[in-house]
Amino acid sequence: MTTGRPSVVVLDYGSGNVHSAVKALEAAGADVALTDDRVAASEADGLVVPGVGAFANVMRALDEHRVGEIVGRRLAGGRPVLGICVGLQVMFEAGLEGGAVVPGLGEWPGEVRRLEADVLPHMGWDTVDAPEGSVLFDGIRDERFYFVHSYAAPRLDLQPHPRARPVHVTTCTYGETFVAAVENGPLSATQFHPEKSGAAGIRLLSNWIGSLRGDG
């Protein structure tokens, strides 16, 4: 169990402006470093994998920095990882873009595809449907969160081991129902941007940081 302020690394692999994520995590109670250092990313109490832009571009950058190896080793050791936006999408087996299939990190089965909605991108504040027992959404189940995306995973078909912790899948509906967040043992992720979601987003990050301390 971690005491005091847990150490969190926001992985800096060229994903764009992630300084808002750093500030939000600091406000939520973590000591945060923005770095691409593999040792720091491996040893931190928590690792955040951000992602903005096209699935293929994000995967190309992740592959160049061997992020899949870092994430895989952390998860094998039960060390927490949080994906944000495309950082959630790349945890799936593949993304479908323009008719092409782009392999993801493969931590979860299934594919990410273009949302079936009249207007894209899905941009702005929206509610989510969080399941009972969710740690991330403790105290904020009725809040709104900030989305900006055109692609999503329509579902997560994952059957955990009977002795493993249950998988909590939070959904949102925009044209169709899609995966808005996942809590799967040490691996959590959100399709929305908690760092852009005001007080509710800070609370969600604080809930995740609390789980690093063993509060959750």
Foldseek 3Di string as FASTA:
>chain_A
DDPFAFEEEEEPLPQPDCVLVVVLLVVLGHHYDHYLDLVCQQPGQEYEYEHDDDLQVSQVSCVVSVVLVSVVVCVVVLRAYEYEASRVQLCEQWEADPNDTGGGSHVFYAYKYFDQAPDDDPFAWFAKQWDPPDLLCVPPNGAIFTAHDGIFTADTDDDDDPPADDKIFMWTDHNHIGTQWIDGRRYIYGNTDLSPGPPSSSSSSSSVSCVSVVND
